[in-house]
Protein backbone atom coordinates (compact mmCIF):
# COMPACT_ATOMS: atom_id res chain seq x y z
CA MET A 1 -0.12 0.15 0.14
CA GLN A 2 1.86 3.07 -1.28
CA LYS A 3 0.55 6.00 1.36
CA ASN A 4 0.90 9.92 -0.05
CA VAL A 5 1.26 13.30 1.67
CA TYR A 6 0.75 16.41 1.49
CA ALA A 7 2.15 18.32 4.18
CA ILE A 8 4.43 21.68 4.72
CA GLU A 9 7.95 20.82 4.39
CA TYR A 10 9.79 21.27 7.63
CA PRO A 11 11.97 23.22 8.13
CA PHE A 12 10.06 25.32 6.48
CA THR A 13 11.39 26.68 3.04
CA VAL A 14 9.50 28.82 0.06
CA ASP A 15 9.18 27.41 -3.39
CA HIS A 16 10.20 30.38 -5.22
CA GLY A 17 8.66 29.10 -8.35
CA LEU A 18 5.33 28.80 -6.81
CA LYS A 19 5.68 31.35 -4.74
CA SER A 20 4.14 29.68 -1.51
CA LEU A 21 5.88 27.16 1.27
CA ALA A 22 7.61 24.39 -0.07
CA ILE A 23 5.52 21.11 -0.04
CA GLN A 24 6.19 17.64 0.81
CA THR A 25 4.60 14.25 -0.92
CA ASP A 26 7.31 11.78 -0.32
CA PHE A 27 6.00 9.97 2.76
CA ALA A 28 9.31 8.44 3.94
CA ALA A 29 10.87 11.97 3.74
CA HIS A 30 7.61 13.10 5.29
CA VAL A 31 8.36 10.48 8.55
CA GLU A 32 11.80 11.61 8.62
CA GLN A 33 11.01 15.39 9.13
CA LEU A 34 8.57 14.03 11.49
CA MET A 35 11.51 12.36 13.69
CA LYS A 36 13.76 15.35 13.13
CA GLN A 37 11.14 17.52 14.91
CA VAL A 38 10.62 14.97 17.78
CA LEU A 39 14.27 15.15 18.36
CA PHE A 40 15.14 18.60 18.25
CA THR A 41 12.07 19.86 20.18
CA ASN A 42 12.42 20.46 24.02
CA PRO A 43 9.79 19.73 26.13
CA GLY A 44 7.82 22.40 27.07
CA GLU A 45 8.39 24.40 23.78
CA ARG A 46 5.11 23.66 22.01
CA ILE A 47 2.20 25.83 23.94
CA ASN A 48 -0.14 23.06 23.40
CA ARG A 49 1.85 20.14 23.41
CA PRO A 50 4.05 20.63 26.63
CA ASP A 51 5.50 17.15 26.47
CA PHE A 52 6.23 17.07 23.17
CA GLY A 53 9.58 16.22 22.04
CA CYS A 54 12.68 14.39 23.40
CA GLY A 55 14.84 17.72 23.50
CA ILE A 56 18.22 16.64 22.29
CA ARG A 57 19.99 20.10 21.99
CA ARG A 58 19.73 20.18 25.95
CA MET A 59 22.27 17.43 25.50
CA VAL A 60 24.81 20.89 24.32
CA PHE A 61 25.07 21.44 28.16
CA ALA A 62 25.61 18.10 29.21
CA PRO A 63 28.69 16.15 30.19
CA ASN A 64 29.52 13.78 26.58
CA SER A 65 29.88 10.38 27.94
CA GLN A 66 28.48 7.02 27.55
CA GLU A 67 25.73 7.51 30.59
CA SER A 68 24.81 10.40 28.68
CA ALA A 69 24.28 8.74 25.64
CA SER A 70 22.27 5.55 27.07
CA LEU A 71 19.89 8.08 29.03
CA VAL A 72 19.79 9.77 25.40
CA GLN A 73 19.05 6.51 24.00
CA VAL A 74 16.32 5.93 25.95
CA THR A 75 14.54 8.99 25.86
CA ILE A 76 14.64 8.74 22.14
CA TYR A 77 13.18 5.49 21.89
CA GLN A 78 10.04 6.66 24.61
CA ALA A 79 10.02 10.07 22.47
CA MET A 80 9.37 8.07 18.98
CA GLU A 81 7.29 5.46 20.40
CA LYS A 82 4.84 7.94 22.06
CA TRP A 83 4.80 10.50 19.24
CA LEU A 84 5.30 8.73 15.84
CA GLY A 85 4.28 4.87 17.58
CA THR A 86 1.61 4.85 14.86
CA LEU A 87 3.75 6.00 11.81
CA VAL A 88 7.13 3.78 12.55
CA THR A 89 8.22 0.84 14.26
CA ILE A 90 11.46 1.68 16.81
CA ASN A 91 13.78 -1.32 15.84
CA GLN A 92 17.02 -0.22 17.45
CA VAL A 93 18.25 2.80 18.89
CA ASP A 94 22.44 3.45 19.14
CA VAL A 95 23.77 6.69 20.56
CA SER A 96 27.28 6.89 20.87
CA ALA A 97 29.42 9.81 22.50
CA GLU A 98 32.80 10.57 20.77
CA ASP A 99 34.85 13.90 21.77
CA GLU A 100 32.15 16.55 21.40
CA VAL A 101 29.60 14.64 18.87
CA LEU A 102 26.77 12.86 19.48
CA SER A 103 25.99 10.25 17.27
CA LEU A 104 22.31 9.33 17.39
CA LYS A 105 21.74 6.34 14.65
CA ILE A 106 18.12 4.99 14.63
CA ASN A 107 16.81 1.99 12.87
CA TYR A 108 12.88 1.66 12.20
CA THR A 109 9.94 0.87 9.81
CA LEU A 110 7.48 2.44 8.17
CA LYS A 111 4.46 0.78 9.16
CA ALA A 112 2.65 1.81 6.02
CA ARG A 113 5.14 -0.01 3.69
CA GLN A 114 6.85 -2.21 6.07
CA GLU A 115 10.03 -0.71 4.60
CA ARG A 116 13.40 -0.86 6.92
CA ARG A 117 14.74 2.99 7.14
CA TYR A 118 17.67 4.68 9.13
CA LEU A 119 17.97 7.91 10.82
CA ASN A 120 21.63 9.04 11.17
CA VAL A 121 22.23 12.42 13.25
CA GLU A 122 25.22 14.11 14.88
CA VAL A 123 24.72 16.62 17.20
CA SER A 124 27.65 18.61 17.93
CA LEU A 125 27.97 19.71 21.75
């Protein structure tokens, strides 16, 4: 089953040809954008959803250690399950702390397509 989507692209960009907000029509890219929103939104940042997000940006001021990485791993898994559990199945979350970089590797399956995908993000601390 192919799922179509028609959503405003995140982060917001302008389609200069149409002179309007850019639209995302690829379902897999849309879900990846949603995952990044969950990752980089701090709880309390959204007025109508005060517990939305997992707040990876807060880790900028935390010590970059394996203990912190383990805490981030659990936080990411819980936030993804809570906010995107209807769209994706989180298979594995790996977080590693190396020097001033926190590397996130999320292995997930799109439920609508039963398609396994990966999201890799590096956060510089």
